Amino acid sequence: MTVAAPGTDLVGFGVTGDFVAGLSGSAFAAALVAATVADLRAGNPELTPVELRQQLIATADRPGVAMPDQNVGWGVINPVSALTAPVGGASPTPAPPSAAVSAVVVDLPPEAPDNSWSIVIAGLLLALAGGIAAVVAGVRRAGRRKWRPATEQAPTPRATTTPLS
């Protein structure tokens, strides 16, 4: 487990636009994590997924136990700390315990593998398939029109006419 997210007694907007308190569940916790990551990306578009993950870990509220904890990982994400702390400046070290927080566990995905070569190969295969389809379509069309390659023949003499006097 990497980090946990607050998942109980959250405040949000209701259907009529009023504030609603007491929201709980993993959907609200996931929305909080997604919004925090989106805000981090908006302010720092050059950050990689690994750097975003590190920022969430480094700024999480730590429980008063050995790190990482089996229940909350490196702690409960703190959106305010994640957005205001210098990016890449902190490291995941135990911090003073914060107030007890009921949380929902969120495992962050590992860094995605580099698949740029597979995209290039897929594009080349697609272009090759398109070229083959064009040749096949051209041969079929030529067959329907009874087209044959020109053969070398001796030039046919032109008929000459003599003017009538």
Foldseek 3Di string as FASTA:
>chain_A
DAFWAFFFFDWDADPVRDIDTTGGDPVVRVVVVVVLLVLVCVVPVPDALVQLSQLQLQQAQAAPDDAPDPVGHLHYGDSVSSNPPPRPPGGSDDDPHDPDGDTGHDDRDDGDDDDPVVVVVVVVVVVVVVVVVVVVVVVVVCVVVVDDDDDDDDDDDDDDDDDDD
